Amino acid sequence: MTEQKMKESTQAKITAAVALARGVAQKALAPSPNPEWTEYDMRSIDEWIALQDVKLERPEAIRRLVELGLKAKAK
């Protein structure tokens, strides 16, 4: 893989992670403290977990995604 393709691939992964993180953060900050997670939401979170270098449980993954989303929103 060329360096340019690696950069594009990495950027695409980061963009996807930020988009997912923003969505998770919005749900976490919703008025209801117990958001209704759809099957799509859970699948998206599981896919994000699979891309990580370490094995995460869903609650920890959600916490990390919320943190990423909040940091991205602050920019």
N, C-alpha and C. Protein backbone atom coordinates (compact mmCIF):
# COMPACT_ATOMS: atom_id res chain seq x y z
N MET A 1 0.85 -1.17 0.00
CA MET A 1 0.00 0.00 0.00
C MET A 1 0.89 1.23 0.00
N THR A 2 0.58 2.17 -0.85
CA THR A 2 1.39 3.37 -0.92
C THR A 2 1.12 4.26 0.28
N GLU A 3 2.05 5.18 0.49
CA GLU A 3 1.91 6.09 1.63
C GLU A 3 0.65 6.94 1.50
N GLN A 4 0.33 7.38 0.29
CA GLN A 4 -0.87 8.20 0.06
C GLN A 4 -2.13 7.41 0.40
N LYS A 5 -2.19 6.14 -0.04
CA LYS A 5 -3.36 5.33 0.25
C LYS A 5 -3.49 5.06 1.73
N MET A 6 -2.36 4.87 2.42
CA MET A 6 -2.39 4.64 3.87
C MET A 6 -2.93 5.88 4.58
N LYS A 7 -2.50 7.07 4.13
CA LYS A 7 -2.98 8.31 4.73
C LYS A 7 -4.49 8.46 4.51
N GLU A 8 -4.95 8.15 3.29
CA GLU A 8 -6.38 8.25 2.98
C GLU A 8 -7.18 7.26 3.80
N SER A 9 -6.65 6.04 3.96
CA SER A 9 -7.32 5.00 4.74
C SER A 9 -7.42 5.43 6.20
N THR A 10 -6.32 5.93 6.73
CA THR A 10 -6.31 6.39 8.13
C THR A 10 -7.27 7.55 8.32
N GLN A 11 -7.27 8.48 7.39
CA GLN A 11 -8.16 9.63 7.48
C GLN A 11 -9.62 9.19 7.42
N ALA A 12 -9.92 8.22 6.57
CA ALA A 12 -11.30 7.71 6.47
C ALA A 12 -11.72 7.06 7.78
N LYS A 13 -10.83 6.31 8.42
CA LYS A 13 -11.14 5.67 9.70
C LYS A 13 -11.38 6.72 10.78
N ILE A 14 -10.55 7.75 10.79
CA ILE A 14 -10.71 8.80 11.78
C ILE A 14 -12.02 9.54 11.56
N THR A 15 -12.34 9.85 10.31
CA THR A 15 -13.59 10.54 9.98
C THR A 15 -14.79 9.71 10.42
N ALA A 16 -14.75 8.41 10.15
CA ALA A 16 -15.85 7.52 10.55
C ALA A 16 -15.96 7.44 12.06
N ALA A 17 -14.83 7.37 12.76
CA ALA A 17 -14.85 7.29 14.22
C ALA A 17 -15.42 8.57 14.83
N VAL A 18 -15.05 9.71 14.27
CA VAL A 18 -15.56 10.99 14.78
C VAL A 18 -17.06 11.09 14.56
N ALA A 19 -17.52 10.67 13.38
CA ALA A 19 -18.96 10.72 13.09
C ALA A 19 -19.73 9.83 14.07
N LEU A 20 -19.22 8.63 14.29
CA LEU A 20 -19.87 7.72 15.23
C LEU A 20 -19.82 8.30 16.63
N ALA A 21 -18.68 8.85 17.01
CA ALA A 21 -18.53 9.42 18.35
C ALA A 21 -19.51 10.57 18.58
N ARG A 22 -19.67 11.42 17.57
CA ARG A 22 -20.63 12.53 17.71
C ARG A 22 -22.04 12.00 17.93
N GLY A 23 -22.40 10.97 17.18
CA GLY A 23 -23.74 10.39 17.34
C GLY A 23 -23.94 9.81 18.72
N VAL A 24 -22.94 9.10 19.22
CA VAL A 24 -23.02 8.51 20.56
C VAL A 24 -23.09 9.62 21.60
N ALA A 25 -22.29 10.66 21.43
CA ALA A 25 -22.30 11.77 22.39
C ALA A 25 -23.67 12.45 22.41
N GLN A 26 -24.28 12.64 21.25
CA GLN A 26 -25.60 13.26 21.19
C GLN A 26 -26.63 12.42 21.94
N LYS A 27 -26.55 11.10 21.76
CA LYS A 27 -27.50 10.23 22.48
C LYS A 27 -27.24 10.26 23.98
N ALA A 28 -25.95 10.28 24.36
CA ALA A 28 -25.60 10.29 25.78
C ALA A 28 -26.05 11.59 26.45
N LEU A 29 -26.07 12.67 25.69
CA LEU A 29 -26.47 13.97 26.24
C LEU A 29 -27.96 14.25 26.06
N ALA A 30 -28.68 13.30 25.50
CA ALA A 30 -30.11 13.47 25.28
C ALA A 30 -30.83 13.62 26.62
N PRO A 31 -32.01 14.22 26.61
CA PRO A 31 -32.75 14.41 27.85
C PRO A 31 -33.02 13.11 28.61
N SER A 32 -33.25 12.04 27.89
CA SER A 32 -33.51 10.75 28.53
C SER A 32 -32.18 10.11 28.93
N PRO A 33 -32.01 9.75 30.21
CA PRO A 33 -30.74 9.15 30.63
C PRO A 33 -30.57 7.71 30.11
N ASN A 34 -31.63 7.12 29.63
CA ASN A 34 -31.57 5.76 29.10
C ASN A 34 -31.97 5.75 27.63
N PRO A 35 -31.03 6.12 26.75
CA PRO A 35 -31.38 6.20 25.33
C PRO A 35 -31.77 4.83 24.78
N GLU A 36 -32.62 4.86 23.82
CA GLU A 36 -33.02 3.64 23.13
C GLU A 36 -31.98 3.36 22.05
N TRP A 37 -31.18 2.33 22.23
CA TRP A 37 -30.15 1.98 21.26
C TRP A 37 -30.77 1.07 20.21
N THR A 38 -30.60 1.43 18.97
CA THR A 38 -31.11 0.59 17.89
C THR A 38 -30.09 -0.50 17.57
N GLU A 39 -30.53 -1.48 16.81
CA GLU A 39 -29.61 -2.53 16.38
C GLU A 39 -28.48 -1.92 15.54
N TYR A 40 -28.82 -0.91 14.72
CA TYR A 40 -27.80 -0.23 13.92
C TYR A 40 -26.77 0.44 14.82
N ASP A 41 -27.23 1.10 15.89
CA ASP A 41 -26.31 1.75 16.83
C ASP A 41 -25.35 0.73 17.43
N MET A 42 -25.90 -0.39 17.89
CA MET A 42 -25.07 -1.41 18.53
C MET A 42 -24.09 -2.01 17.53
N ARG A 43 -24.55 -2.24 16.31
CA ARG A 43 -23.67 -2.79 15.28
C ARG A 43 -22.54 -1.80 14.97
N SER A 44 -22.87 -0.52 14.89
CA SER A 44 -21.86 0.51 14.62
C SER A 44 -20.82 0.55 15.74
N ILE A 45 -21.28 0.47 16.96
CA ILE A 45 -20.36 0.47 18.10
C ILE A 45 -19.48 -0.77 18.06
N ASP A 46 -20.07 -1.93 17.78
CA ASP A 46 -19.29 -3.17 17.69
C ASP A 46 -18.26 -3.11 16.56
N GLU A 47 -18.62 -2.48 15.45
CA GLU A 47 -17.67 -2.32 14.35
C GLU A 47 -16.52 -1.41 14.76
N TRP A 48 -16.84 -0.34 15.50
CA TRP A 48 -15.79 0.56 15.98
C TRP A 48 -14.87 -0.18 16.94
N ILE A 49 -15.46 -0.99 17.82
CA ILE A 49 -14.66 -1.78 18.77
C ILE A 49 -13.68 -2.68 18.01
N ALA A 50 -14.16 -3.30 16.94
CA ALA A 50 -13.32 -4.22 16.17
C ALA A 50 -12.12 -3.52 15.54
N LEU A 51 -12.22 -2.21 15.29
CA LEU A 51 -11.12 -1.46 14.68
C LEU A 51 -10.07 -1.02 15.71
N GLN A 52 -10.37 -1.18 16.98
CA GLN A 52 -9.45 -0.73 18.01
C GLN A 52 -8.34 -1.75 18.24
N ASP A 53 -7.22 -1.26 18.78
CA ASP A 53 -6.07 -2.13 19.03
C ASP A 53 -6.23 -2.99 20.28
N VAL A 54 -7.19 -2.64 21.11
CA VAL A 54 -7.43 -3.40 22.34
C VAL A 54 -8.88 -3.88 22.36
N LYS A 55 -9.14 -4.93 23.11
CA LYS A 55 -10.50 -5.45 23.25
C LYS A 55 -11.23 -4.60 24.27
N LEU A 56 -12.36 -4.04 23.85
CA LEU A 56 -13.17 -3.20 24.73
C LEU A 56 -14.55 -3.83 24.88
N GLU A 57 -15.11 -3.65 26.05
CA GLU A 57 -16.51 -4.01 26.26
C GLU A 57 -17.34 -2.82 25.80
N ARG A 58 -18.59 -3.05 25.48
CA ARG A 58 -19.44 -1.97 24.97
C ARG A 58 -19.49 -0.74 25.88
N PRO A 59 -19.69 -0.92 27.20
CA PRO A 59 -19.77 0.29 28.04
C PRO A 59 -18.51 1.16 27.95
N GLU A 60 -17.34 0.53 27.94
CA GLU A 60 -16.09 1.30 27.84
C GLU A 60 -15.98 1.94 26.45
N ALA A 61 -16.38 1.21 25.42
CA ALA A 61 -16.35 1.76 24.06
C ALA A 61 -17.27 2.97 23.96
N ILE A 62 -18.45 2.88 24.55
CA ILE A 62 -19.39 4.00 24.51
C ILE A 62 -18.81 5.20 25.25
N ARG A 63 -18.19 4.96 26.40
CA ARG A 63 -17.55 6.07 27.13
C ARG A 63 -16.49 6.75 26.28
N ARG A 64 -15.67 5.94 25.60
CA ARG A 64 -14.61 6.50 24.76
C ARG A 64 -15.18 7.26 23.56
N LEU A 65 -16.24 6.72 22.98
CA LEU A 65 -16.86 7.40 21.84
C LEU A 65 -17.50 8.72 22.27
N VAL A 66 -18.10 8.72 23.43
CA VAL A 66 -18.69 9.97 23.95
C VAL A 66 -17.59 10.99 24.16
N GLU A 67 -16.48 10.56 24.76
CA GLU A 67 -15.35 11.46 24.99
C GLU A 67 -14.83 12.03 23.66
N LEU A 68 -14.66 11.16 22.65
CA LEU A 68 -14.23 11.61 21.34
C LEU A 68 -15.22 12.61 20.73
N GLY A 69 -16.49 12.29 20.85
CA GLY A 69 -17.52 13.16 20.31
C GLY A 69 -17.56 14.52 20.99
N LEU A 70 -17.37 14.53 22.29
CA LEU A 70 -17.37 15.79 23.03
C LEU A 70 -16.16 16.63 22.67
N LYS A 71 -15.02 15.99 22.50
CA LYS A 71 -13.82 16.72 22.10
C LYS A 71 -13.96 17.28 20.70
N ALA A 72 -14.53 16.49 19.79
CA ALA A 72 -14.71 16.93 18.42
C ALA A 72 -15.71 18.08 18.34
N LYS A 73 -16.74 18.03 19.16
CA LYS A 73 -17.77 19.08 19.16
C LYS A 73 -17.20 20.39 19.68
N ALA A 74 -16.23 20.31 20.58
CA ALA A 74 -15.66 21.50 21.18
C ALA A 74 -14.79 22.28 20.20
N LYS A 75 -14.33 21.65 19.15
CA LYS A 75 -13.42 22.31 18.20
C LYS A 75 -14.14 23.28 17.32
